[in-house]
Amino acid sequence: MIGYLLGSCRPTFYADGPVALVDEVAVVQGERGRGTGRSLMTAFERWAVGKGAVLVDVPTRRAAAFYRSLGYDETATVFRRRL
């Protein structure tokens, strides 16, 4: 395996439609920069469109340049509480 993406789609009120959520994206260190992450995100976006999603959320502070290169905008901080 050189990479994977874990995501879901759920109904929301705030977006006026379903939102696709990317929980994790990972590409093996030596394989980064070869288009695997982009391919994973593109496939996920296609899947999300098929589910009727109106937007994709990626709650992370990592790899900002990668997500910006895909056309994502930085919007907010994620609040978290460890249980």
Foldseek 3Di string as FASTA:
>chain_A
DFKDWDKDWDADDVLPGIEIETPDIDGPPVCPPVCPSVVRVVVSVVVCVVVVHPYYDYQDPPPPVVVVVVVDDDDDHDDDDDD
